[in-house]
Amino acid sequence: MSMQKVETFGEMLRKLREESEMPLRKLAALLDLDQSTLSKIERNERNPNADLIEKVAKIFKASKKDLQVAFLSDQIAYKLLDEDYGVEALQVAEDKVTYLKKQK
């Protein structure tokens, strides 16, 4: 398992915003989002879209890679969360990704 801290995209976004002492309303305006939508994303009650990654990286001069990994891992985790064999499927998928990359 990775040594990276487990943090959702929403948690990462909130942390970046709070460390910058930026009000929610200001970030919402910069991202062209409704304030309530942004609040739900930060609380993991709503999934962000991929377009947000680039904007957030620019606004906070944050690592696009870290944001992308948090975003993608959220997508996978929520997809497998309620599956009986989700963790097992994830382990097999990891092997398949490695295999498929070698085939390219």
Protein backbone atom coordinates (compact mmCIF):
# COMPACT_ATOMS: atom_id res chain seq x y z
CA MET A 1 0.00 0.00 0.00
CA SER A 2 1.17 3.52 -0.79
CA MET A 3 2.62 5.67 1.96
CA GLN A 4 0.66 8.64 0.58
CA LYS A 5 -1.87 10.04 3.03
CA VAL A 6 -5.36 8.94 2.17
CA GLU A 7 -7.18 12.14 1.31
CA THR A 8 -10.13 12.71 -0.98
CA PHE A 9 -10.09 15.35 -3.70
CA GLY A 10 -12.63 17.33 -1.68
CA GLU A 11 -10.49 17.21 1.46
CA MET A 12 -7.44 18.23 -0.54
CA LEU A 13 -9.37 21.13 -2.07
CA ARG A 14 -10.62 22.36 1.31
CA LYS A 15 -7.11 22.14 2.76
CA LEU A 16 -5.65 24.18 -0.12
CA ARG A 17 -8.39 26.79 0.24
CA GLU A 18 -8.05 27.08 4.02
CA GLU A 19 -4.24 27.23 3.89
CA SER A 20 -4.61 30.13 1.45
CA GLU A 21 -7.19 31.74 3.74
CA MET A 22 -9.54 32.00 0.77
CA PRO A 23 -13.27 32.25 1.48
CA LEU A 24 -15.47 29.59 -0.07
CA ARG A 25 -17.40 32.21 -2.04
CA LYS A 26 -14.20 33.56 -3.65
CA LEU A 27 -12.98 30.12 -4.75
CA ALA A 28 -16.46 29.27 -6.02
CA ALA A 29 -16.38 32.43 -8.16
CA LEU A 30 -12.90 31.63 -9.49
CA LEU A 31 -14.03 28.11 -10.40
CA ASP A 32 -17.31 29.37 -11.86
CA LEU A 33 -19.26 27.14 -9.45
CA ASP A 34 -22.17 27.75 -7.17
CA GLN A 35 -20.97 28.15 -3.57
CA SER A 36 -23.19 25.30 -2.38
CA THR A 37 -21.79 23.00 -5.09
CA LEU A 38 -18.23 23.76 -4.02
CA SER A 39 -19.16 23.16 -0.39
CA LYS A 40 -20.61 19.75 -1.29
CA ILE A 41 -17.45 18.84 -3.22
CA GLU A 42 -15.32 19.74 -0.19
CA ARG A 43 -17.55 17.57 2.05
CA ASN A 44 -17.45 14.64 -0.40
CA GLU A 45 -21.18 14.91 -0.98
CA ARG A 46 -20.75 15.64 -4.67
CA ASN A 47 -18.19 14.45 -7.19
CA PRO A 48 -16.15 17.09 -9.01
CA ASN A 49 -15.57 16.98 -12.73
CA ALA A 50 -12.15 16.57 -14.29
CA ASP A 51 -12.09 20.22 -15.48
CA LEU A 52 -11.71 21.31 -11.88
CA ILE A 53 -8.24 19.76 -11.59
CA GLU A 54 -6.56 22.16 -14.00
CA LYS A 55 -8.28 25.21 -12.50
CA VAL A 56 -7.45 24.25 -8.90
CA ALA A 57 -3.82 23.52 -9.81
CA LYS A 58 -3.46 26.98 -11.37
CA ILE A 59 -5.25 28.88 -8.60
CA PHE A 60 -3.23 27.32 -5.78
CA LYS A 61 -0.06 26.49 -7.75
CA ALA A 62 -0.64 22.94 -6.58
CA SER A 63 0.61 19.69 -8.05
CA LYS A 64 -1.64 18.69 -10.93
CA LYS A 65 -0.43 15.11 -10.47
CA ASP A 66 -1.49 14.97 -6.81
CA LEU A 67 -4.90 16.45 -7.66
CA GLN A 68 -5.34 14.03 -10.57
CA VAL A 69 -4.42 11.03 -8.40
CA ALA A 70 -6.86 12.14 -5.68
CA PHE A 71 -9.60 12.68 -8.28
CA LEU A 72 -9.08 9.34 -10.05
CA SER A 73 -8.73 7.36 -6.85
CA ASP A 74 -12.00 8.90 -5.59
CA GLN A 75 -13.73 7.79 -8.79
CA ILE A 76 -12.46 4.24 -8.40
CA ALA A 77 -13.11 4.05 -4.66
CA TYR A 78 -16.72 5.27 -4.93
CA LYS A 79 -17.36 2.89 -7.83
CA LEU A 80 -16.14 -0.12 -5.81
CA LEU A 81 -17.32 0.98 -2.36
CA ASP A 82 -20.48 -1.13 -2.25
CA GLU A 83 -19.23 -4.06 -4.31
CA ASP A 84 -18.75 -7.38 -2.50
CA TYR A 85 -15.43 -8.04 -4.21
CA GLY A 86 -14.35 -4.45 -4.76
CA VAL A 87 -10.91 -4.69 -3.13
CA GLU A 88 -10.14 -7.95 -4.92
CA ALA A 89 -11.24 -6.46 -8.24
CA LEU A 90 -9.03 -3.44 -7.59
CA GLN A 91 -6.02 -5.68 -7.03
CA VAL A 92 -6.69 -7.56 -10.27
CA ALA A 93 -7.24 -4.26 -12.11
CA GLU A 94 -3.83 -3.04 -10.94
CA ASP A 95 -2.23 -6.11 -12.51
CA LYS A 96 -4.26 -5.60 -15.69
CA VAL A 97 -3.15 -1.97 -16.02
CA THR A 98 0.49 -3.07 -15.75
CA TYR A 99 -0.13 -5.82 -18.32
CA LEU A 100 -1.98 -3.55 -20.74
CA LYS A 101 0.70 -0.84 -20.55
CA LYS A 102 3.31 -3.44 -21.56
CA GLN A 103 1.15 -4.38 -24.57
CA LYS A 104 1.23 -0.85 -25.97
